[in-house]
């Protein structure tokens, strides 16, 4: 489920680190000016996917060793 902007309820693209404050691009630019201060939600999703994939790879490797 996509996150919503806390100001206008549009689909969020940015968030404040370690909070549940999400912003669309327009509201983020208007309120923060410098978007590099915020985290892109897509980047967070990619990092989470990598952690999950790495974890699954470790699980498969462990399972393969147990089969021997």
Foldseek 3Di string as FASTA:
>chain_A
DFQAAPPPRHGFFWDQPPDSHTHHPVVCCVPPVDCVNIDGVVVVVVVVVVVVVVVVVVVVVVVVVVVD
